[in-house]
Amino acid sequence: MIRTDNELIAELEAVMQRLRELELITSNMERFFEVGEWLLCFEGAWMLARDDPDHPLQSDKSYLALVAYNAGEIA
């Protein structure tokens, strides 16, 4: 469970790294992350994975923690 901004940033950094490994990261996601627009950055990752139950992020614990944390924003 994410409780602090530091935990939020750490989980998002992990998701960003996973997206880099999968070669799925976009320049907009990188830019949003760099300027502290974390919700917009997360929404980019969420939009990639939301409709694909087999997407690699669907089993990523950092991604799932962010989905739970942002549930009210993405509902």
N, C-alpha and C. Protein backbone atom coordinates (compact mmCIF):
# COMPACT_ATOMS: atom_id res chain seq x y z
N MET A 1 0.84 -1.17 0.00
CA MET A 1 0.00 0.00 0.00
C MET A 1 0.89 1.25 0.00
N ILE A 2 0.58 2.17 -0.87
CA ILE A 2 1.34 3.42 -0.98
C ILE A 2 0.78 4.41 0.03
N ARG A 3 1.66 4.94 0.89
CA ARG A 3 1.22 5.88 1.92
C ARG A 3 1.87 7.25 1.81
N THR A 4 3.01 7.34 1.16
CA THR A 4 3.72 8.61 1.10
C THR A 4 4.08 8.95 -0.35
N ASP A 5 4.41 10.20 -0.56
CA ASP A 5 4.86 10.60 -1.90
C ASP A 5 6.12 9.85 -2.31
N ASN A 6 7.00 9.61 -1.37
CA ASN A 6 8.23 8.86 -1.68
C ASN A 6 7.92 7.45 -2.16
N GLU A 7 6.95 6.80 -1.53
CA GLU A 7 6.54 5.47 -1.95
C GLU A 7 5.89 5.51 -3.33
N LEU A 8 5.08 6.53 -3.56
CA LEU A 8 4.45 6.71 -4.87
C LEU A 8 5.51 6.86 -5.96
N ILE A 9 6.49 7.70 -5.73
CA ILE A 9 7.55 7.93 -6.71
C ILE A 9 8.36 6.66 -6.94
N ALA A 10 8.66 5.94 -5.87
CA ALA A 10 9.43 4.70 -6.01
C ALA A 10 8.69 3.67 -6.85
N GLU A 11 7.40 3.52 -6.62
CA GLU A 11 6.61 2.56 -7.40
C GLU A 11 6.53 3.00 -8.86
N LEU A 12 6.35 4.28 -9.08
CA LEU A 12 6.28 4.78 -10.45
C LEU A 12 7.62 4.64 -11.16
N GLU A 13 8.72 4.88 -10.45
CA GLU A 13 10.04 4.66 -11.04
C GLU A 13 10.20 3.20 -11.47
N ALA A 14 9.72 2.27 -10.66
CA ALA A 14 9.80 0.85 -11.00
C ALA A 14 8.98 0.54 -12.24
N VAL A 15 7.79 1.12 -12.35
CA VAL A 15 6.95 0.91 -13.53
C VAL A 15 7.62 1.52 -14.77
N MET A 16 8.19 2.69 -14.61
CA MET A 16 8.87 3.33 -15.74
C MET A 16 10.05 2.47 -16.21
N GLN A 17 10.79 1.91 -15.27
CA GLN A 17 11.90 1.03 -15.64
C GLN A 17 11.39 -0.20 -16.38
N ARG A 18 10.31 -0.77 -15.91
CA ARG A 18 9.73 -1.95 -16.58
C ARG A 18 9.29 -1.60 -18.00
N LEU A 19 8.68 -0.43 -18.17
CA LEU A 19 8.28 -0.01 -19.51
C LEU A 19 9.48 0.21 -20.41
N ARG A 20 10.57 0.72 -19.85
CA ARG A 20 11.81 0.87 -20.65
C ARG A 20 12.31 -0.51 -21.10
N GLU A 21 12.29 -1.46 -20.18
CA GLU A 21 12.74 -2.82 -20.51
C GLU A 21 11.88 -3.43 -21.61
N LEU A 22 10.58 -3.15 -21.57
CA LEU A 22 9.65 -3.67 -22.57
C LEU A 22 9.66 -2.84 -23.85
N GLU A 23 10.42 -1.73 -23.83
CA GLU A 23 10.48 -0.78 -24.95
C GLU A 23 9.09 -0.22 -25.29
N LEU A 24 8.32 0.08 -24.23
CA LEU A 24 6.97 0.61 -24.40
C LEU A 24 6.83 2.04 -23.87
N ILE A 25 7.90 2.58 -23.33
CA ILE A 25 7.80 3.92 -22.74
C ILE A 25 7.71 4.97 -23.85
N THR A 26 6.95 6.01 -23.59
CA THR A 26 6.81 7.09 -24.57
C THR A 26 7.55 8.32 -24.07
N SER A 27 7.85 9.21 -24.99
CA SER A 27 8.54 10.44 -24.60
C SER A 27 7.64 11.29 -23.70
N ASN A 28 6.33 11.27 -23.93
CA ASN A 28 5.42 12.02 -23.06
C ASN A 28 5.45 11.48 -21.65
N MET A 29 5.48 10.16 -21.50
CA MET A 29 5.55 9.58 -20.16
C MET A 29 6.83 10.00 -19.46
N GLU A 30 7.93 9.97 -20.17
CA GLU A 30 9.22 10.40 -19.60
C GLU A 30 9.15 11.86 -19.17
N ARG A 31 8.60 12.69 -20.02
CA ARG A 31 8.51 14.12 -19.74
C ARG A 31 7.61 14.38 -18.54
N PHE A 32 6.45 13.73 -18.49
CA PHE A 32 5.55 13.90 -17.35
C PHE A 32 6.23 13.48 -16.05
N PHE A 33 6.98 12.39 -16.11
CA PHE A 33 7.67 11.92 -14.91
C PHE A 33 8.72 12.94 -14.47
N GLU A 34 9.48 13.45 -15.42
CA GLU A 34 10.56 14.39 -15.09
C GLU A 34 10.05 15.68 -14.46
N VAL A 35 8.86 16.13 -14.84
CA VAL A 35 8.35 17.39 -14.29
C VAL A 35 7.40 17.17 -13.10
N GLY A 36 7.27 15.93 -12.65
CA GLY A 36 6.47 15.66 -11.46
C GLY A 36 4.98 15.50 -11.71
N GLU A 37 4.59 15.29 -12.95
CA GLU A 37 3.18 15.04 -13.26
C GLU A 37 2.94 13.53 -13.21
N TRP A 38 2.97 13.00 -11.98
CA TRP A 38 2.98 11.56 -11.80
C TRP A 38 1.67 10.90 -12.20
N LEU A 39 0.55 11.53 -11.95
CA LEU A 39 -0.72 10.92 -12.35
C LEU A 39 -0.80 10.80 -13.87
N LEU A 40 -0.39 11.83 -14.59
CA LEU A 40 -0.40 11.75 -16.06
C LEU A 40 0.55 10.67 -16.55
N CYS A 41 1.69 10.56 -15.91
CA CYS A 41 2.65 9.53 -16.28
C CYS A 41 2.05 8.14 -16.05
N PHE A 42 1.45 7.95 -14.88
CA PHE A 42 0.82 6.66 -14.59
C PHE A 42 -0.31 6.37 -15.56
N GLU A 43 -1.12 7.37 -15.88
CA GLU A 43 -2.23 7.14 -16.79
C GLU A 43 -1.76 6.62 -18.14
N GLY A 44 -0.59 7.06 -18.59
CA GLY A 44 -0.03 6.53 -19.83
C GLY A 44 0.23 5.04 -19.72
N ALA A 45 0.81 4.62 -18.62
CA ALA A 45 1.07 3.19 -18.41
C ALA A 45 -0.25 2.43 -18.28
N TRP A 46 -1.18 3.00 -17.54
CA TRP A 46 -2.48 2.36 -17.33
C TRP A 46 -3.22 2.17 -18.66
N MET A 47 -3.16 3.17 -19.53
CA MET A 47 -3.85 3.05 -20.82
C MET A 47 -3.22 1.96 -21.69
N LEU A 48 -1.93 1.72 -21.54
CA LEU A 48 -1.28 0.65 -22.29
C LEU A 48 -1.78 -0.73 -21.84
N ALA A 49 -2.05 -0.87 -20.55
CA ALA A 49 -2.31 -2.20 -19.99
C ALA A 49 -3.77 -2.47 -19.64
N ARG A 50 -4.60 -1.46 -19.54
CA ARG A 50 -5.93 -1.64 -18.97
C ARG A 50 -6.82 -2.64 -19.68
N ASP A 51 -6.74 -2.74 -20.99
CA ASP A 51 -7.63 -3.63 -21.74
C ASP A 51 -6.99 -4.95 -22.16
N ASP A 52 -5.79 -5.19 -21.65
CA ASP A 52 -5.06 -6.39 -22.04
C ASP A 52 -4.67 -7.19 -20.79
N PRO A 53 -5.46 -8.20 -20.45
CA PRO A 53 -5.14 -8.98 -19.25
C PRO A 53 -3.80 -9.70 -19.32
N ASP A 54 -3.24 -9.85 -20.52
CA ASP A 54 -1.95 -10.52 -20.67
C ASP A 54 -0.78 -9.55 -20.74
N HIS A 55 -1.06 -8.27 -20.61
CA HIS A 55 0.01 -7.27 -20.66
C HIS A 55 0.96 -7.51 -19.49
N PRO A 56 2.28 -7.42 -19.72
CA PRO A 56 3.25 -7.69 -18.64
C PRO A 56 3.05 -6.82 -17.40
N LEU A 57 2.52 -5.63 -17.54
CA LEU A 57 2.30 -4.79 -16.36
C LEU A 57 1.20 -5.35 -15.46
N GLN A 58 0.30 -6.16 -16.00
CA GLN A 58 -0.80 -6.70 -15.20
C GLN A 58 -0.32 -7.61 -14.07
N SER A 59 0.91 -8.07 -14.16
CA SER A 59 1.46 -8.91 -13.09
C SER A 59 2.60 -8.20 -12.34
N ASP A 60 2.80 -6.92 -12.61
CA ASP A 60 3.87 -6.15 -11.97
C ASP A 60 3.35 -5.56 -10.66
N LYS A 61 4.02 -5.88 -9.55
CA LYS A 61 3.51 -5.45 -8.24
C LYS A 61 3.51 -3.94 -8.09
N SER A 62 4.46 -3.25 -8.68
CA SER A 62 4.48 -1.79 -8.60
C SER A 62 3.31 -1.19 -9.38
N TYR A 63 3.06 -1.73 -10.55
CA TYR A 63 1.93 -1.27 -11.36
C TYR A 63 0.62 -1.50 -10.62
N LEU A 64 0.45 -2.68 -10.04
CA LEU A 64 -0.78 -3.00 -9.32
C LEU A 64 -0.96 -2.11 -8.09
N ALA A 65 0.14 -1.77 -7.42
CA ALA A 65 0.06 -0.85 -6.28
C ALA A 65 -0.40 0.53 -6.74
N LEU A 66 0.10 0.96 -7.90
CA LEU A 66 -0.31 2.26 -8.44
C LEU A 66 -1.77 2.25 -8.89
N VAL A 67 -2.22 1.14 -9.45
CA VAL A 67 -3.63 1.02 -9.85
C VAL A 67 -4.51 1.16 -8.60
N ALA A 68 -4.16 0.48 -7.53
CA ALA A 68 -4.94 0.57 -6.30
C ALA A 68 -4.91 1.98 -5.74
N TYR A 69 -3.75 2.60 -5.73
CA TYR A 69 -3.60 3.95 -5.20
C TYR A 69 -4.40 4.97 -5.99
N ASN A 70 -4.44 4.81 -7.30
CA ASN A 70 -5.10 5.77 -8.17
C ASN A 70 -6.52 5.35 -8.57
N ALA A 71 -7.08 4.37 -7.90
CA ALA A 71 -8.38 3.83 -8.30
C ALA A 71 -9.45 4.91 -8.44
N GLY A 72 -9.48 5.86 -7.55
CA GLY A 72 -10.47 6.92 -7.62
C GLY A 72 -10.28 7.85 -8.81
N GLU A 73 -9.05 8.00 -9.24
CA GLU A 73 -8.73 8.90 -10.36
C GLU A 73 -9.02 8.26 -11.72
N ILE A 74 -8.86 6.94 -11.81
CA ILE A 74 -8.99 6.28 -13.10
C ILE A 74 -10.33 5.58 -13.29
N ALA A 75 -11.18 5.63 -12.29
CA ALA A 75 -12.48 4.96 -12.37
C ALA A 75 -13.41 5.67 -13.34
